Amino acid sequence: MKLYELVGKDKTQGFSPYVWRSRMAIAHKGLEVEMVPLIFTEIAGLKDIDAKTVPILDDDGTLITDSWDIACYLEEKYPDRPSLFGGAAGKAYANFFNFTSFTHLVMPLFQTLAYDIFEGLDDKDRAYFRETREARLGKSLEEAHAHQDQSLKIFQKQLWPYNTLLKSQAFFHGSQPAYTDYIMYGLFQWAKGVSALPIISPDEPLYGWRAKMDDLYDGLGKVIRTKKPA
């Protein structure tokens, strides 16, 4: 089993939030995986794989190219291993979480991190990233960086329901982690891998939850080193 991931200058630091969802899902299932690092501009050049983004899972020749589809594939292909969803209701909850988190968490966090991501990219990726992400942002990367504090505050303001929920249960899935937790965890791995900016404070329930997530699967999440301030 191979999982293609996104890297920058440092080929040991995979930072895609969507790859991290899949990486944690694979670990949850107790499966072994080989990580294949790619920079942005290498993805389109993959032979026999029609994909523009990662993650890409290659399970003995079966290719899946979307993090949600990968989770569903793992659940169906390996039903005898720990469930990622805990049944139909849990799957529906995770899918809802997947959609709702995009607009009010992924987008403001992307605006917060965009310039920091650019700074860490392989030189071959910089022109591509600037062109495509500035079109998405509607502004230059430098303008986005100038408003980083405002974007971060928007993101942090949106965290209140997640912090509130974690006051009454250990994980988003309940007493044990599952795919909903991996969706959220991917965001924190993304931020940790590309920026020195602290996005939550130690007094928030999310802070303790993230520490528990870091310790899962023999500390898998700790392979992402916190980026040091420039």
C-alpha atoms as a PDB file:
ATOM      1  CA  MET A   1       0.000   0.000   0.000  1.00  0.00           C
ATOM      2  CA  LYS A   2       1.324   3.433  -0.992  1.00  0.00           C
ATOM      3  CA  LEU A   3       0.061   6.892  -0.070  1.00  0.00           C
ATOM      4  CA  TYR A   4       1.242   9.874  -2.090  1.00  0.00           C
ATOM      5  CA  GLU A   5       1.767  13.012  -0.016  1.00  0.00           C
ATOM      6  CA  LEU A   6       2.610  16.667  -0.581  1.00  0.00           C
ATOM      7  CA  VAL A   7       5.973  18.077   0.496  1.00  0.00           C
ATOM      8  CA  GLY A   8       7.929  21.288   0.072  1.00  0.00           C
ATOM      9  CA  LYS A   9      11.661  21.922   0.370  1.00  0.00           C
ATOM     10  CA  ASP A  10      11.814  19.459   3.235  1.00  0.00           C
ATOM     11  CA  LYS A  11      10.905  16.127   1.649  1.00  0.00           C
ATOM     12  CA  THR A  12      10.383  14.541   5.083  1.00  0.00           C
ATOM     13  CA  GLN A  13       7.555  16.920   6.035  1.00  0.00           C
ATOM     14  CA  GLY A  14       4.254  16.037   4.403  1.00  0.00           C
ATOM     15  CA  PHE A  15       1.885  18.888   5.164  1.00  0.00           C
ATOM     16  CA  SER A  16      -1.376  18.293   3.298  1.00  0.00           C
ATOM     17  CA  PRO A  17      -4.358  18.235   5.719  1.00  0.00           C
ATOM     18  CA  TYR A  18      -6.136  15.784   3.446  1.00  0.00           C
ATOM     19  CA  VAL A  19      -3.188  13.408   3.329  1.00  0.00           C
ATOM     20  CA  TRP A  20      -3.094  13.482   7.114  1.00  0.00           C
ATOM     21  CA  ARG A  21      -6.736  12.412   7.237  1.00  0.00           C
ATOM     22  CA  SER A  22      -5.829   9.387   5.133  1.00  0.00           C
ATOM     23  CA  ARG A  23      -2.621   8.668   6.988  1.00  0.00           C
ATOM     24  CA  MET A  24      -4.448   8.544  10.306  1.00  0.00           C
ATOM     25  CA  ALA A  25      -7.245   6.459   8.784  1.00  0.00           C
ATOM     26  CA  ILE A  26      -4.740   3.888   7.536  1.00  0.00           C
ATOM     27  CA  ALA A  27      -3.108   3.741  10.983  1.00  0.00           C
ATOM     28  CA  HIS A  28      -6.556   3.388  12.576  1.00  0.00           C
ATOM     29  CA  LYS A  29      -7.098   0.298  10.422  1.00  0.00           C
ATOM     30  CA  GLY A  30      -3.729  -1.085  11.523  1.00  0.00           C
ATOM     31  CA  LEU A  31      -2.366  -1.175   7.984  1.00  0.00           C
ATOM     32  CA  GLU A  32       1.193  -0.589   6.810  1.00  0.00           C
ATOM     33  CA  VAL A  33       1.768   2.125   4.224  1.00  0.00           C
ATOM     34  CA  GLU A  34       4.679   3.483   2.220  1.00  0.00           C
ATOM     35  CA  MET A  35       4.653   7.273   1.964  1.00  0.00           C
ATOM     36  CA  VAL A  36       5.568   8.686  -1.455  1.00  0.00           C
ATOM     37  CA  PRO A  37       6.585  12.384  -1.349  1.00  0.00           C
ATOM     38  CA  LEU A  38       5.635  14.697  -4.211  1.00  0.00           C
ATOM     39  CA  ILE A  39       5.869  18.413  -4.830  1.00  0.00           C
ATOM     40  CA  PHE A  40       2.864  20.148  -6.412  1.00  0.00           C
ATOM     41  CA  THR A  41       4.206  20.141  -9.964  1.00  0.00           C
ATOM     42  CA  GLU A  42       5.058  16.422  -9.868  1.00  0.00           C
ATOM     43  CA  ILE A  43       1.461  15.325  -9.275  1.00  0.00           C
ATOM     44  CA  ALA A  44       0.242  15.947 -12.829  1.00  0.00           C
ATOM     45  CA  GLY A  45       3.209  14.017 -14.215  1.00  0.00           C
ATOM     46  CA  LEU A  46       2.371  10.750 -12.479  1.00  0.00           C
ATOM     47  CA  LYS A  47       2.094   7.913 -14.964  1.00  0.00           C
ATOM     48  CA  ASP A  48      -1.198   6.004 -15.083  1.00  0.00           C
ATOM     49  CA  ILE A  49      -2.699   8.150 -12.320  1.00  0.00           C
ATOM     50  CA  ASP A  50      -5.231  10.800 -13.311  1.00  0.00           C
ATOM     51  CA  ALA A  51      -5.077  13.148 -10.347  1.00  0.00           C
ATOM     52  CA  LYS A  52      -4.446  16.832  -9.746  1.00  0.00           C
ATOM     53  CA  THR A  53      -4.196  16.659  -5.968  1.00  0.00           C
ATOM     54  CA  VAL A  54      -3.156  14.327  -3.157  1.00  0.00           C
ATOM     55  CA  PRO A  55      -3.832  12.119  -1.287  1.00  0.00           C
ATOM     56  CA  ILE A  56      -3.600   9.269  -3.759  1.00  0.00           C
ATOM     57  CA  LEU A  57      -3.864   5.765  -2.338  1.00  0.00           C
ATOM     58  CA  ASP A  58      -2.436   2.839  -4.284  1.00  0.00           C
ATOM     59  CA  ASP A  59      -3.607  -0.388  -2.683  1.00  0.00           C
ATOM     60  CA  ASP A  60      -1.975  -3.100  -4.770  1.00  0.00           C
ATOM     61  CA  GLY A  61      -3.021  -1.397  -8.010  1.00  0.00           C
ATOM     62  CA  THR A  62      -6.362  -0.031  -6.835  1.00  0.00           C
ATOM     63  CA  LEU A  63      -6.138   3.775  -7.010  1.00  0.00           C
ATOM     64  CA  ILE A  64      -8.296   6.158  -4.971  1.00  0.00           C
ATOM     65  CA  THR A  65      -7.767   9.914  -5.285  1.00  0.00           C
ATOM     66  CA  ASP A  66      -9.855  11.711  -2.650  1.00  0.00           C
ATOM     67  CA  SER A  67      -9.519  11.637   1.141  1.00  0.00           C
ATOM     68  CA  TRP A  68     -13.214  10.903   1.748  1.00  0.00           C
ATOM     69  CA  ASP A  69     -13.224   8.204  -0.932  1.00  0.00           C
ATOM     70  CA  ILE A  70     -10.091   6.715   0.616  1.00  0.00           C
ATOM     71  CA  ALA A  71     -11.791   6.516   4.025  1.00  0.00           C
ATOM     72  CA  CYS A  72     -14.859   4.851   2.500  1.00  0.00           C
ATOM     73  CA  TYR A  73     -12.657   2.439   0.547  1.00  0.00           C
ATOM     74  CA  LEU A  74     -10.696   1.433   3.652  1.00  0.00           C
ATOM     75  CA  GLU A  75     -13.903   0.875   5.586  1.00  0.00           C
ATOM     76  CA  GLU A  76     -15.374  -1.342   2.878  1.00  0.00           C
ATOM     77  CA  LYS A  77     -12.175  -3.195   1.945  1.00  0.00           C
ATOM     78  CA  TYR A  78     -11.105  -3.937   5.525  1.00  0.00           C
ATOM     79  CA  PRO A  79     -14.344  -4.456   7.497  1.00  0.00           C
ATOM     80  CA  ASP A  80     -12.653  -6.836   9.951  1.00  0.00           C
ATOM     81  CA  ARG A  81     -10.379  -4.057  11.205  1.00  0.00           C
ATOM     82  CA  PRO A  82     -11.401  -1.165  13.533  1.00  0.00           C
ATOM     83  CA  SER A  83     -14.196   0.914  11.990  1.00  0.00           C
ATOM     84  CA  LEU A  84     -13.492   4.471  10.891  1.00  0.00           C
ATOM     85  CA  PHE A  85     -17.134   5.481  11.323  1.00  0.00           C
ATOM     86  CA  GLY A  86     -18.792   3.101  13.788  1.00  0.00           C
ATOM     87  CA  GLY A  87     -21.756   2.445  11.529  1.00  0.00           C
ATOM     88  CA  ALA A  88     -24.023   4.325   9.133  1.00  0.00           C
ATOM     89  CA  ALA A  89     -24.879   7.116  11.592  1.00  0.00           C
ATOM     90  CA  GLY A  90     -21.203   7.737  12.314  1.00  0.00           C
ATOM     91  CA  LYS A  91     -20.425   7.819   8.610  1.00  0.00           C
ATOM     92  CA  ALA A  92     -23.179  10.378   8.000  1.00  0.00           C
ATOM     93  CA  TYR A  93     -21.870  12.496  10.903  1.00  0.00           C
ATOM     94  CA  ALA A  94     -18.317  12.362   9.534  1.00  0.00           C
ATOM     95  CA  ASN A  95     -19.523  13.317   6.057  1.00  0.00           C
ATOM     96  CA  PHE A  96     -21.445  16.274   7.463  1.00  0.00           C
ATOM     97  CA  PHE A  97     -18.351  17.311   9.425  1.00  0.00           C
ATOM     98  CA  ASN A  98     -16.301  16.974   6.237  1.00  0.00           C
ATOM     99  CA  PHE A  99     -18.508  19.437   4.355  1.00  0.00           C
ATOM    100  CA  THR A 100     -19.219  21.953   7.109  1.00  0.00           C
ATOM    101  CA  SER A 101     -15.592  22.290   8.181  1.00  0.00           C
ATOM    102  CA  PHE A 102     -14.476  23.453   4.729  1.00  0.00           C
ATOM    103  CA  THR A 103     -16.015  26.926   4.620  1.00  0.00           C
ATOM    104  CA  HIS A 104     -15.627  28.031   8.209  1.00  0.00           C
ATOM    105  CA  LEU A 105     -12.362  26.289   9.125  1.00  0.00           C
ATOM    106  CA  VAL A 106     -10.355  25.282   6.039  1.00  0.00           C
ATOM    107  CA  MET A 107     -10.791  28.554   4.153  1.00  0.00           C
ATOM    108  CA  PRO A 108      -9.858  31.036   6.917  1.00  0.00           C
ATOM    109  CA  LEU A 109      -6.953  28.800   7.926  1.00  0.00           C
ATOM    110  CA  PHE A 110      -5.770  28.659   4.320  1.00  0.00           C
ATOM    111  CA  GLN A 111      -5.821  32.463   4.150  1.00  0.00           C
ATOM    112  CA  THR A 112      -3.820  32.485   7.380  1.00  0.00           C
ATOM    113  CA  LEU A 113      -1.211  30.032   6.143  1.00  0.00           C
ATOM    114  CA  ALA A 114      -0.981  30.735   2.409  1.00  0.00           C
ATOM    115  CA  TYR A 115       2.178  32.839   2.472  1.00  0.00           C
ATOM    116  CA  ASP A 116       3.875  30.530   4.974  1.00  0.00           C
ATOM    117  CA  ILE A 117       3.111  27.568   2.694  1.00  0.00           C
ATOM    118  CA  PHE A 118       4.644  29.472  -0.228  1.00  0.00           C
ATOM    119  CA  GLU A 119       7.799  30.179   1.763  1.00  0.00           C
ATOM    120  CA  GLY A 120       8.339  26.486   2.413  1.00  0.00           C
ATOM    121  CA  LEU A 121       7.808  25.252  -1.131  1.00  0.00           C
ATOM    122  CA  ASP A 122      10.329  23.741  -3.489  1.00  0.00           C
ATOM    123  CA  ASP A 123      11.436  26.428  -5.947  1.00  0.00           C
ATOM    124  CA  LYS A 124       9.833  24.483  -8.814  1.00  0.00           C
ATOM    125  CA  ASP A 125       6.420  24.908  -7.204  1.00  0.00           C
ATOM    126  CA  ARG A 126       6.470  28.609  -6.420  1.00  0.00           C
ATOM    127  CA  ALA A 127       5.149  30.027  -9.711  1.00  0.00           C
ATOM    128  CA  TYR A 128       2.380  27.401  -9.840  1.00  0.00           C
ATOM    129  CA  PHE A 129       1.345  28.003  -6.256  1.00  0.00           C
ATOM    130  CA  ARG A 130       1.336  31.771  -6.616  1.00  0.00           C
ATOM    131  CA  GLU A 131      -0.757  31.694  -9.785  1.00  0.00           C
ATOM    132  CA  THR A 132      -3.345  29.179  -8.585  1.00  0.00           C
ATOM    133  CA  ARG A 133      -3.639  30.289  -4.962  1.00  0.00           C
ATOM    134  CA  GLU A 134      -3.765  34.010  -5.656  1.00  0.00           C
ATOM    135  CA  ALA A 135      -6.656  33.314  -8.028  1.00  0.00           C
ATOM    136  CA  ARG A 136      -8.351  31.393  -5.229  1.00  0.00           C
ATOM    137  CA  LEU A 137      -7.658  34.079  -2.642  1.00  0.00           C
ATOM    138  CA  GLY A 138      -8.554  37.013  -4.872  1.00  0.00           C
ATOM    139  CA  LYS A 139      -5.420  38.794  -3.652  1.00  0.00           C
ATOM    140  CA  SER A 140      -1.655  38.414  -3.651  1.00  0.00           C
ATOM    141  CA  LEU A 141       0.055  36.110  -1.186  1.00  0.00           C
ATOM    142  CA  GLU A 142       1.692  39.152   0.333  1.00  0.00           C
ATOM    143  CA  GLU A 143      -1.699  40.804   0.857  1.00  0.00           C
ATOM    144  CA  ALA A 144      -2.997  37.658   2.509  1.00  0.00           C
ATOM    145  CA  HIS A 145       0.037  37.641   4.777  1.00  0.00           C
ATOM    146  CA  ALA A 146      -0.527  41.266   5.721  1.00  0.00           C
ATOM    147  CA  HIS A 147      -3.988  40.259   6.990  1.00  0.00           C
ATOM    148  CA  GLN A 148      -2.796  37.059   8.655  1.00  0.00           C
ATOM    149  CA  ASP A 149      -3.869  38.149  12.134  1.00  0.00           C
ATOM    150  CA  GLN A 150      -7.405  38.935  10.968  1.00  0.00           C
ATOM    151  CA  SER A 151      -7.710  35.603   9.158  1.00  0.00           C
ATOM    152  CA  LEU A 152      -6.450  33.729  12.193  1.00  0.00           C
ATOM    153  CA  LYS A 153      -8.981  35.476  14.426  1.00  0.00           C
ATOM    154  CA  ILE A 154     -11.782  34.409  12.070  1.00  0.00           C
ATOM    155  CA  PHE A 155     -10.558  30.820  12.246  1.00  0.00           C
ATOM    156  CA  GLN A 156     -10.246  30.913  16.020  1.00  0.00           C
ATOM    157  CA  LYS A 157     -13.702  32.412  16.413  1.00  0.00           C
ATOM    158  CA  GLN A 158     -15.140  29.452  14.496  1.00  0.00           C
ATOM    159  CA  LEU A 159     -13.640  26.959  16.940  1.00  0.00           C
ATOM    160  CA  TRP A 160     -16.139  27.565  19.750  1.00  0.00           C
ATOM    161  CA  PRO A 161     -18.499  24.626  18.965  1.00  0.00           C
ATOM    162  CA  TYR A 162     -15.569  22.213  18.764  1.00  0.00           C
ATOM    163  CA  ASN A 163     -14.115  23.442  22.047  1.00  0.00           C
ATOM    164  CA  THR A 164     -17.554  23.228  23.640  1.00  0.00           C
ATOM    165  CA  LEU A 165     -18.089  19.653  22.482  1.00  0.00           C
ATOM    166  CA  LEU A 166     -14.716  18.548  23.837  1.00  0.00           C
ATOM    167  CA  LYS A 167     -15.686  19.731  27.312  1.00  0.00           C
ATOM    168  CA  SER A 168     -18.070  16.789  27.527  1.00  0.00           C
ATOM    169  CA  GLN A 169     -16.269  14.061  25.561  1.00  0.00           C
ATOM    170  CA  ALA A 170     -12.693  13.037  24.837  1.00  0.00           C
ATOM    171  CA  PHE A 171     -12.890  12.985  21.042  1.00  0.00           C
ATOM    172  CA  PHE A 172     -15.232  14.252  18.341  1.00  0.00           C
ATOM    173  CA  HIS A 173     -16.351  10.682  17.727  1.00  0.00           C
ATOM    174  CA  GLY A 174     -16.974  10.132  21.455  1.00  0.00           C
ATOM    175  CA  SER A 175     -14.840   8.186  23.903  1.00  0.00           C
ATOM    176  CA  GLN A 176     -12.478   6.984  21.151  1.00  0.00           C
ATOM    177  CA  PRO A 177     -11.105   8.705  18.032  1.00  0.00           C
ATOM    178  CA  ALA A 178     -12.408   7.952  14.552  1.00  0.00           C
ATOM    179  CA  TYR A 179     -12.518   9.573  11.131  1.00  0.00           C
ATOM    180  CA  THR A 180     -14.251  12.759  12.286  1.00  0.00           C
ATOM    181  CA  ASP A 181     -11.259  13.379  14.547  1.00  0.00           C
ATOM    182  CA  TYR A 182      -8.867  12.786  11.673  1.00  0.00           C
ATOM    183  CA  ILE A 183     -10.655  15.411   9.572  1.00  0.00           C
ATOM    184  CA  MET A 184     -10.056  17.986  12.293  1.00  0.00           C
ATOM    185  CA  TYR A 185      -6.562  16.766  13.119  1.00  0.00           C
ATOM    186  CA  GLY A 186      -5.458  17.252   9.533  1.00  0.00           C
ATOM    187  CA  LEU A 187      -5.967  20.991   9.923  1.00  0.00           C
ATOM    188  CA  PHE A 188      -3.666  21.154  12.923  1.00  0.00           C
ATOM    189  CA  GLN A 189      -1.012  19.041  11.204  1.00  0.00           C
ATOM    190  CA  TRP A 190      -1.227  21.394   8.223  1.00  0.00           C
ATOM    191  CA  ALA A 191      -0.650  24.451  10.379  1.00  0.00           C
ATOM    192  CA  LYS A 192       2.109  22.810  12.407  1.00  0.00           C
ATOM    193  CA  GLY A 193       3.997  21.740   9.298  1.00  0.00           C
ATOM    194  CA  VAL A 194       4.068  25.078   7.496  1.00  0.00           C
ATOM    195  CA  SER A 195       3.958  27.832  10.110  1.00  0.00           C
ATOM    196  CA  ALA A 196       5.328  28.784  13.523  1.00  0.00           C
ATOM    197  CA  LEU A 197       2.070  30.592  14.257  1.00  0.00           C
ATOM    198  CA  PRO A 198       0.258  29.207  17.334  1.00  0.00           C
ATOM    199  CA  ILE A 199      -3.361  28.725  16.327  1.00  0.00           C
ATOM    200  CA  ILE A 200      -4.833  27.587  19.672  1.00  0.00           C
ATOM    201  CA  SER A 201      -3.999  28.334  23.288  1.00  0.00           C
ATOM    202  CA  PRO A 202      -3.197  25.815  26.063  1.00  0.00           C
ATOM    203  CA  ASP A 203      -6.397  26.651  27.970  1.00  0.00           C
ATOM    204  CA  GLU A 204      -8.639  25.428  25.131  1.00  0.00           C
ATOM    205  CA  PRO A 205     -10.056  21.873  25.114  1.00  0.00           C
ATOM    206  CA  LEU A 206      -8.767  21.537  21.550  1.00  0.00           C
ATOM    207  CA  TYR A 207      -5.229  21.876  22.850  1.00  0.00           C
ATOM    208  CA  GLY A 208      -5.550  18.813  25.062  1.00  0.00           C
ATOM    209  CA  TRP A 209      -7.389  16.929  22.316  1.00  0.00           C
ATOM    210  CA  ARG A 210      -4.558  17.655  19.887  1.00  0.00           C
ATOM    211  CA  ALA A 211      -2.020  16.301  22.379  1.00  0.00           C
ATOM    212  CA  LYS A 212      -3.996  13.057  22.610  1.00  0.00           C
ATOM    213  CA  MET A 213      -4.164  12.858  18.837  1.00  0.00           C
ATOM    214  CA  ASP A 214      -0.393  13.379  18.610  1.00  0.00           C
ATOM    215  CA  ASP A 215       0.129  10.318  20.808  1.00  0.00           C
ATOM    216  CA  LEU A 216      -2.024   7.960  18.746  1.00  0.00           C
ATOM    217  CA  TYR A 217      -0.426   5.096  16.813  1.00  0.00           C
ATOM    218  CA  ASP A 218       2.967   5.337  18.496  1.00  0.00           C
ATOM    219  CA  GLY A 219       3.060   9.108  18.119  1.00  0.00           C
ATOM    220  CA  LEU A 220       2.508   9.111  14.362  1.00  0.00           C
ATOM    221  CA  GLY A 221       1.470  12.768  14.319  1.00  0.00           C
ATOM    222  CA  LYS A 222       4.755  13.795  15.920  1.00  0.00           C
ATOM    223  CA  VAL A 223       6.628  13.090  12.698  1.00  0.00           C
ATOM    224  CA  ILE A 224       5.528  16.623  11.768  1.00  0.00           C
ATOM    225  CA  ARG A 225       7.904  18.914  13.588  1.00  0.00           C
ATOM    226  CA  THR A 226       6.586  22.249  14.771  1.00  0.00           C
ATOM    227  CA  LYS A 227       7.982  24.855  12.408  1.00  0.00           C
ATOM    228  CA  LYS A 228      10.352  27.232  14.158  1.00  0.00           C
ATOM    229  CA  PRO A 229       9.946  31.018  13.928  1.00  0.00           C
ATOM    230  CA  ALA A 230      12.011  32.606  11.171  1.00  0.00           C
END
